[in-house]
Amino acid sequence: MKSKSIKGVTIPEITDRFDAALGDGFKPTLAIVFLSMKQDRKAVCQLLNKHNVAIFGATTAGEFIDGEIGEESIAILLMDLQPDYFKMEFMETGTETTRDIARKIGETGVSSFAKPAFIVASGGISTDGEMIVRGIEDVVGPDIPIFGGMAGDDFNMTGTYVFTNNYDSDDAIVALILDNQKINVQGLATSGWRPFGTIRTVTHSEGNVVYTIDDEPALDLIIRYMGVSKDIDTYKEVIVNIGSEFPMQIQREDSVPILRAPLYANQSDRSLVCAGSVPQGAQIRFSLPPDFNIIEKVVAECNEVKAFQPLADALIMFSCKARHLSLGPMVSEEIDQIKDVWGSPMVGFFSYGEFGKTINGKHEFHNNTCSLVVLKEN
């Protein structure tokens, strides 16, 4: 499989770079498209439709093909993958639950391939990403690769979209289902956030909404405990001040803690809406951002993956926007060093939640995490 990545800030620029990519006889069949809400999604789809290229698309909170991070741009990874090696699925939620829709995607996977692997993206600000993993696992079991991210919206926190060739929605899941017998799908999810403080208990939660922690309204506890502004009521203030700096680590007996970041606060009941489920009764600790050693740790984990997947045809990265805010300029260095491990074409975006697998763990839904997908045709 051959792949090429392109990036631009206007449709004419993307058109020129797409045409240049085809200049040596390259004929892509699949495009991973990550772009700003301010870009014309329909125009990008029309360009790719003309060449019969299948589209896996999501809006972003920043996009990249290398360490040069785009703002309000378009980033595309083109691949000449055999069409019978993959299937694209797009499902709007409608009246069904997220888990029900994800279950249908799992069913499509097992009916299409003996060993499917899933790369997913979801629109919707308040969608519970954990339910996507659970729905797919209901059908395929816990050992099937599931990678991806929650779409972004330039950090406006008003509405995120996923799209494919002829469909576009802020309440849907797009899934690239791969034949894992033909395309080896590997990767990892890593965060580097450090726990601190005492263990606390989530005393009232429903799905991804946390109402009380230690019987205190969740937002009020955050304000008091973290010393952040008492006026922290807007969407953006919550994710900047809490989500990027103090995510919750859900403690687990059988595996490493999993991070949950608040996306926004409800002013009326002082609850926090997180990107993934937080079980009632869960034991949590808050976190501090990673230090300067985080890049060395991430690269070391990438090299562990490279030990059993030494070559890559393409790389896809889903990196949390809160992580970007916390790491600042360091995130560009992280992207470049990860890309250099395999030296393969890459595309990525800053997301509102990530799907992936920790080293020695299973595929789960994460926050404040960098999730990397490594693709190699067998």
Protein backbone atom coordinates (compact mmCIF):
# COMPACT_ATOMS: atom_id res chain seq x y z
CA MET A 1 0.00 0.00 0.00
CA LYS A 2 1.25 3.45 -0.94
CA SER A 3 0.19 6.61 0.89
CA LYS A 4 0.72 10.34 0.61
CA SER A 5 -0.27 13.20 2.93
CA ILE A 6 -1.22 16.71 1.81
CA LYS A 7 -2.27 19.87 3.61
CA GLY A 8 -3.62 23.27 2.61
CA VAL A 9 -5.69 26.24 3.73
CA THR A 10 -7.83 26.75 0.62
CA ILE A 11 -9.72 24.48 -1.74
CA PRO A 12 -7.58 25.55 -4.75
CA GLU A 13 -4.44 24.76 -2.77
CA ILE A 14 -5.74 21.31 -1.81
CA THR A 15 -6.82 20.69 -5.40
CA ASP A 16 -3.35 21.55 -6.71
CA ARG A 17 -1.64 19.32 -4.14
CA PHE A 18 -4.06 16.47 -4.78
CA ASP A 19 -3.37 16.71 -8.53
CA ALA A 20 0.38 16.77 -7.85
CA ALA A 21 0.06 13.62 -5.72
CA LEU A 22 -1.50 11.85 -8.70
CA GLY A 23 1.25 13.00 -11.06
CA ASP A 24 3.35 9.82 -10.75
CA GLY A 25 0.45 7.49 -11.47
CA PHE A 26 -0.67 7.21 -7.84
CA LYS A 27 -4.38 6.28 -7.69
CA PRO A 28 -5.79 6.61 -4.17
CA THR A 29 -8.92 4.73 -3.19
CA LEU A 30 -9.23 6.00 0.37
CA ALA A 31 -8.79 9.40 2.02
CA ILE A 32 -8.59 10.24 5.71
CA VAL A 33 -9.77 13.87 5.83
CA PHE A 34 -9.39 16.09 8.90
CA LEU A 35 -10.42 19.73 8.53
CA SER A 36 -11.55 22.88 10.27
CA MET A 37 -15.23 23.72 10.63
CA LYS A 38 -14.45 26.83 8.60
CA GLN A 39 -13.47 24.76 5.57
CA ASP A 40 -15.91 23.70 2.86
CA ARG A 41 -16.45 20.00 3.54
CA LYS A 42 -18.70 19.59 0.53
CA ALA A 43 -16.06 21.00 -1.82
CA VAL A 44 -13.43 18.60 -0.47
CA CYS A 45 -15.83 15.68 -0.86
CA GLN A 46 -16.68 16.74 -4.42
CA LEU A 47 -12.99 16.75 -5.32
CA LEU A 48 -12.49 13.24 -3.94
CA ASN A 49 -15.77 11.94 -5.35
CA LYS A 50 -14.60 12.83 -8.86
CA HIS A 51 -11.77 10.34 -8.42
CA ASN A 52 -13.88 7.64 -6.71
CA VAL A 53 -11.99 8.02 -3.42
CA ALA A 54 -13.78 6.79 -0.29
CA ILE A 55 -13.78 9.36 2.54
CA PHE A 56 -13.36 9.01 6.30
CA GLY A 57 -13.81 12.55 7.58
CA ALA A 58 -14.03 14.56 10.79
CA THR A 59 -13.95 18.20 11.80
CA THR A 60 -11.14 19.15 14.15
CA ALA A 61 -9.67 21.44 16.79
CA GLY A 62 -6.42 21.65 14.80
CA GLU A 63 -5.00 19.35 12.13
CA PHE A 64 -1.57 18.24 10.96
CA ILE A 65 0.45 15.95 8.70
CA ASP A 66 3.67 16.68 10.61
CA GLY A 67 4.75 18.91 13.47
CA GLU A 68 3.50 22.02 11.68
CA ILE A 69 0.03 22.34 13.21
CA GLY A 70 -2.65 23.83 11.00
CA GLU A 71 -5.24 26.33 12.08
CA GLU A 72 -8.47 26.34 10.08
CA SER A 73 -6.83 24.12 7.45
CA ILE A 74 -7.34 20.79 5.64
CA ALA A 75 -5.15 17.72 6.19
CA ILE A 76 -5.56 14.58 4.07
CA LEU A 77 -3.93 11.16 4.00
CA LEU A 78 -4.39 9.40 0.64
CA MET A 79 -3.99 5.62 0.33
CA ASP A 80 -4.23 3.22 -2.62
CA LEU A 81 -5.72 0.46 -0.50
CA GLN A 82 -7.49 -2.39 -2.30
CA PRO A 83 -11.24 -1.57 -2.12
CA ASP A 84 -12.13 -5.07 -0.95
CA TYR A 85 -9.80 -4.65 2.04
CA PHE A 86 -12.01 -2.02 3.69
CA LYS A 87 -15.60 -0.92 4.19
CA MET A 88 -16.89 2.54 5.10
CA GLU A 89 -19.90 2.81 7.41
CA PHE A 90 -21.79 5.98 8.34
CA MET A 91 -24.64 5.85 10.84
CA GLU A 92 -26.65 8.68 12.36
CA THR A 93 -27.88 8.18 15.90
CA GLY A 94 -31.45 9.43 15.43
CA THR A 95 -33.72 7.87 18.06
CA GLU A 96 -31.27 5.07 18.86
CA THR A 97 -28.59 5.17 21.51
CA THR A 98 -24.91 5.57 20.75
CA ARG A 99 -24.32 2.02 21.95
CA ASP A 100 -27.03 0.66 19.63
CA ILE A 101 -25.47 2.39 16.62
CA ALA A 102 -21.99 1.19 17.57
CA ARG A 103 -23.36 -2.33 17.89
CA LYS A 104 -24.60 -2.12 14.30
CA ILE A 105 -21.14 -1.00 13.19
CA GLY A 106 -19.70 -4.04 14.95
CA GLU A 107 -22.19 -6.26 13.15
CA THR A 108 -21.16 -4.78 9.81
CA GLY A 109 -17.53 -5.50 10.69
CA VAL A 110 -18.01 -9.18 11.51
CA SER A 111 -20.24 -9.71 8.46
CA SER A 112 -17.64 -8.10 6.19
CA PHE A 113 -14.38 -9.64 7.46
CA ALA A 114 -13.32 -12.65 9.51
CA LYS A 115 -10.99 -10.37 11.51
CA PRO A 116 -12.18 -6.75 11.36
CA ALA A 117 -10.40 -3.71 12.78
CA PHE A 118 -12.18 -0.41 13.40
CA ILE A 119 -11.13 3.22 13.03
CA VAL A 120 -13.98 5.43 14.21
CA ALA A 121 -14.87 9.09 14.61
CA SER A 122 -17.97 10.59 16.18
CA GLY A 123 -19.75 13.91 15.94
CA GLY A 124 -21.68 15.49 18.79
CA ILE A 125 -20.32 17.49 21.72
CA SER A 126 -22.00 15.43 24.44
CA THR A 127 -21.64 11.97 22.86
CA ASP A 128 -20.37 9.37 25.33
CA GLY A 129 -17.36 7.85 23.59
CA GLU A 130 -17.29 4.94 26.02
CA MET A 131 -20.59 3.71 24.56
CA ILE A 132 -19.00 3.46 21.11
CA VAL A 133 -16.37 1.05 22.39
CA ARG A 134 -18.90 -0.95 24.38
CA GLY A 135 -21.31 -1.20 21.47
CA ILE A 136 -18.66 -2.54 19.08
CA GLU A 137 -17.33 -4.90 21.75
CA ASP A 138 -20.84 -6.25 22.37
CA VAL A 139 -20.52 -7.85 18.94
CA VAL A 140 -16.81 -8.43 18.32
CA GLY A 141 -15.42 -8.97 21.82
CA PRO A 142 -12.63 -7.13 23.67
CA ASP A 143 -9.63 -8.10 21.56
CA ILE A 144 -10.49 -6.42 18.24
CA PRO A 145 -8.57 -3.21 17.39
CA ILE A 146 -10.60 -0.03 17.89
CA PHE A 147 -8.88 3.31 17.27
CA GLY A 148 -10.13 6.82 16.54
CA GLY A 149 -11.27 10.10 18.00
CA MET A 150 -14.15 12.42 18.76
CA ALA A 151 -14.46 15.21 16.21
CA GLY A 152 -13.64 18.82 17.13
CA ASP A 153 -14.96 22.24 16.13
CA ASP A 154 -12.02 24.67 16.29
CA PHE A 155 -12.45 24.72 20.07
CA ASN A 156 -15.79 26.56 19.90
CA MET A 157 -17.62 23.72 21.69
CA THR A 158 -20.86 24.27 19.77
CA GLY A 159 -21.07 21.31 17.36
CA THR A 160 -18.75 18.74 15.77
CA TYR A 161 -19.21 16.81 12.52
CA VAL A 162 -18.19 13.58 10.84
CA PHE A 163 -18.66 12.95 7.14
CA THR A 164 -18.09 10.62 4.25
CA ASN A 165 -18.65 10.87 0.50
CA ASN A 166 -22.37 11.68 0.53
CA TYR A 167 -23.20 12.07 4.23
CA ASP A 168 -22.48 14.71 6.86
CA SER A 169 -23.85 14.95 10.41
CA ASP A 170 -23.24 16.34 13.90
CA ASP A 171 -24.88 13.26 15.42
CA ALA A 172 -23.31 10.24 13.74
CA ILE A 173 -20.43 7.79 13.75
CA VAL A 174 -18.21 7.21 10.73
CA ALA A 175 -16.26 3.95 10.74
CA LEU A 176 -13.46 2.70 8.54
CA ILE A 177 -13.61 -1.08 8.92
CA LEU A 178 -10.44 -2.83 7.78
CA ASP A 179 -9.72 -6.46 6.95
CA ASN A 180 -7.14 -7.13 9.65
CA GLN A 181 -5.94 -10.22 7.77
CA LYS A 182 -4.88 -7.98 4.87
CA ILE A 183 -4.01 -4.77 6.73
CA ASN A 184 -2.12 -5.06 10.00
CA VAL A 185 -3.54 -2.48 12.42
CA GLN A 186 -1.34 -1.68 15.42
CA GLY A 187 -0.95 1.34 17.67
CA LEU A 188 -0.98 2.72 21.17
CA ALA A 189 -2.64 5.28 23.41
CA THR A 190 -0.53 7.19 25.92
CA SER A 191 -1.09 10.21 28.16
CA GLY A 192 1.64 10.86 30.75
CA TRP A 193 -0.66 12.65 33.22
CA ARG A 194 0.41 12.13 36.84
CA PRO A 195 -2.06 11.51 39.70
CA PHE A 196 -2.00 13.72 42.78
CA GLY A 197 -4.06 14.32 45.89
CA THR A 198 -6.37 12.03 47.78
CA ILE A 199 -8.70 9.41 46.34
CA ARG A 200 -12.25 10.72 45.99
CA THR A 201 -15.56 9.02 45.22
CA VAL A 202 -18.07 9.84 42.48
CA THR A 203 -21.23 9.77 44.57
CA HIS A 204 -23.74 10.60 41.81
CA SER A 205 -23.30 10.16 38.08
CA GLU A 206 -25.33 9.08 35.08
CA GLY A 207 -23.39 7.97 32.02
CA ASN A 208 -20.94 10.75 31.22
CA VAL A 209 -22.52 13.34 33.54
CA VAL A 210 -20.93 13.69 36.99
CA TYR A 211 -23.26 15.38 39.48
CA THR A 212 -21.45 15.00 42.80
CA ILE A 213 -18.01 13.99 44.06
CA ASP A 214 -17.81 13.17 47.78
CA ASP A 215 -21.45 14.37 47.94
CA GLU A 216 -20.45 17.86 46.81
CA PRO A 217 -21.57 19.33 43.45
CA ALA A 218 -18.81 18.32 41.02
CA LEU A 219 -18.16 21.79 39.62
CA ASP A 220 -18.05 23.38 43.07
CA LEU A 221 -15.53 20.81 44.28
CA ILE A 222 -13.34 21.50 41.25
CA ILE A 223 -13.49 25.24 41.85
CA ARG A 224 -12.62 24.88 45.53
CA TYR A 225 -10.04 22.11 45.23
CA MET A 226 -8.21 23.36 42.15
CA GLY A 227 -8.36 27.05 42.96
CA VAL A 228 -9.74 27.97 39.55
CA SER A 229 -12.02 30.89 38.76
CA LYS A 230 -15.40 30.90 40.49
CA ASP A 231 -16.91 32.13 37.23
CA ILE A 232 -15.91 28.97 35.37
CA ASP A 233 -19.27 28.39 33.71
CA THR A 234 -18.69 28.63 29.97
CA TYR A 235 -17.83 25.67 27.74
CA LYS A 236 -14.38 26.89 26.85
CA GLU A 237 -13.43 27.91 30.39
CA VAL A 238 -14.15 24.43 31.71
CA ILE A 239 -12.08 22.55 29.18
CA VAL A 240 -9.17 25.02 29.41
CA ASN A 241 -9.06 25.27 33.19
CA ILE A 242 -10.10 21.75 34.16
CA GLY A 243 -10.04 19.42 31.18
CA SER A 244 -6.54 20.34 30.06
CA GLU A 245 -4.97 20.69 33.50
CA PHE A 246 -6.80 18.46 35.98
CA PRO A 247 -8.45 15.45 34.30
CA MET A 248 -9.87 12.74 36.54
CA GLN A 249 -8.13 9.37 36.73
CA ILE A 250 -10.59 6.55 37.34
CA GLN A 251 -8.83 4.01 39.55
CA ARG A 252 -9.09 0.34 38.48
CA GLU A 253 -7.89 -2.81 40.20
CA ASP A 254 -7.16 -4.81 37.07
CA SER A 255 -5.45 -2.21 34.89
CA VAL A 256 -3.96 1.27 34.76
CA PRO A 257 -6.22 4.25 35.54
CA ILE A 258 -8.21 5.73 32.67
CA LEU A 259 -8.57 9.49 32.19
CA ARG A 260 -11.82 11.43 31.94
CA ALA A 261 -11.81 15.13 31.12
CA PRO A 262 -14.80 17.45 31.66
CA LEU A 263 -15.97 19.05 28.42
CA TYR A 264 -18.33 21.58 29.95
CA ALA A 265 -20.34 22.44 33.06
CA ASN A 266 -24.07 22.69 33.63
CA GLN A 267 -24.71 25.96 35.41
CA SER A 268 -28.05 24.93 36.89
CA ASP A 269 -27.04 21.76 38.74
CA ARG A 270 -23.25 22.32 38.89
CA SER A 271 -22.56 19.02 37.13
CA LEU A 272 -19.74 18.20 34.72
CA VAL A 273 -20.30 16.60 31.32
CA CYS A 274 -17.34 14.41 30.43
CA ALA A 275 -16.32 12.93 27.08
CA GLY A 276 -16.80 9.38 28.41
CA SER A 277 -18.67 7.49 31.10
CA VAL A 278 -17.76 7.93 34.76
CA PRO A 279 -19.41 5.16 36.83
CA GLN A 280 -21.23 6.08 40.03
CA GLY A 281 -19.12 4.88 42.95
CA ALA A 282 -15.89 5.17 40.97
CA GLN A 283 -12.73 6.04 42.89
CA ILE A 284 -10.91 8.94 41.24
CA ARG A 285 -7.79 11.05 41.62
CA PHE A 286 -7.10 14.30 39.86
CA SER A 287 -4.08 14.76 37.60
CA LEU A 288 -1.22 17.07 36.87
CA PRO A 289 0.01 17.61 33.28
CA PRO A 290 3.01 15.67 32.03
CA ASP A 291 6.47 17.14 32.38
CA PHE A 292 9.20 17.58 29.78
CA ASN A 293 10.02 13.88 29.84
CA ILE A 294 6.68 12.98 28.25
CA ILE A 295 8.02 13.02 24.69
CA GLU A 296 10.77 10.55 25.59
CA LYS A 297 8.14 8.29 27.17
CA VAL A 298 5.82 8.46 24.13
CA VAL A 299 8.66 7.78 21.69
CA ALA A 300 9.87 4.88 23.83
CA GLU A 301 6.37 3.35 23.73
CA CYS A 302 6.24 3.87 19.96
CA ASN A 303 9.49 1.95 19.67
CA GLU A 304 7.91 -0.89 21.65
CA VAL A 305 5.18 -1.03 19.00
CA LYS A 306 7.81 -0.81 16.26
CA ALA A 307 9.54 -3.87 17.71
CA PHE A 308 6.68 -6.04 16.46
CA GLN A 309 5.52 -3.73 13.63
CA PRO A 310 8.82 -2.47 12.17
CA LEU A 311 7.35 -1.05 8.95
CA ALA A 312 4.37 1.21 8.33
CA ASP A 313 2.58 2.28 5.17
CA ALA A 314 0.64 5.04 6.93
CA LEU A 315 0.14 6.65 10.33
CA ILE A 316 -2.98 8.26 11.80
CA MET A 317 -2.88 10.23 15.04
CA PHE A 318 -5.72 11.35 17.32
CA SER A 319 -4.37 13.73 19.97
CA CYS A 320 -6.56 15.37 22.60
CA LYS A 321 -7.07 19.13 22.31
CA ALA A 322 -6.68 19.43 26.07
CA ARG A 323 -3.29 17.75 25.69
CA HIS A 324 -2.36 20.34 23.06
CA LEU A 325 -3.35 23.16 25.41
CA SER A 326 -1.33 21.70 28.24
CA LEU A 327 1.82 20.79 26.30
CA GLY A 328 1.86 23.92 24.17
CA PRO A 329 4.73 24.06 21.63
CA MET A 330 6.02 20.69 22.89
CA VAL A 331 3.20 18.96 21.03
CA SER A 332 4.77 19.80 17.64
CA GLU A 333 8.00 18.12 18.72
CA GLU A 334 6.03 15.11 19.91
CA ILE A 335 4.28 14.75 16.53
CA ASP A 336 7.54 15.00 14.59
CA GLN A 337 9.36 12.48 16.78
CA ILE A 338 6.51 9.97 16.56
CA LYS A 339 6.42 10.33 12.78
CA ASP A 340 10.20 9.82 12.64
CA VAL A 341 9.93 6.43 14.41
CA TRP A 342 8.49 4.95 11.18
CA GLY A 343 9.18 7.75 8.71
CA SER A 344 5.83 7.15 7.01
CA PRO A 345 3.14 9.58 5.77
CA MET A 346 0.92 10.77 8.60
CA VAL A 347 -2.30 12.66 9.19
CA GLY A 348 -3.79 13.69 12.52
CA PHE A 349 -6.02 16.07 14.40
CA PHE A 350 -6.71 17.43 17.86
CA SER A 351 -9.80 15.69 19.18
CA TYR A 352 -12.30 15.78 22.05
CA GLY A 353 -11.65 12.16 23.10
CA GLU A 354 -9.59 9.25 21.81
CA PHE A 355 -9.97 5.52 21.14
CA GLY A 356 -6.92 3.32 21.45
CA LYS A 357 -4.86 0.78 23.32
CA THR A 358 -2.33 1.35 26.08
CA ILE A 359 0.83 -0.75 26.14
CA ASN A 360 -0.20 -4.14 27.57
CA GLY A 361 -3.80 -2.91 27.84
CA LYS A 362 -6.94 -3.27 25.74
CA HIS A 363 -8.70 -0.92 23.36
CA GLU A 364 -10.67 1.70 25.32
CA PHE A 365 -11.97 5.26 25.23
CA HIS A 366 -9.58 7.87 26.63
CA ASN A 367 -9.24 11.58 27.31
CA ASN A 368 -6.11 13.77 27.38
CA THR A 369 -4.38 11.08 25.38
CA CYS A 370 -2.41 10.68 22.17
CA SER A 371 -3.65 7.68 20.17
CA LEU A 372 -1.56 6.50 17.22
CA VAL A 373 -2.63 4.04 14.50
CA VAL A 374 0.00 2.17 12.48
CA LEU A 375 -1.15 0.60 9.18
CA LYS A 376 0.83 -1.93 7.14
CA GLU A 377 -0.42 -4.06 4.28
CA ASN A 378 0.44 -7.72 4.82
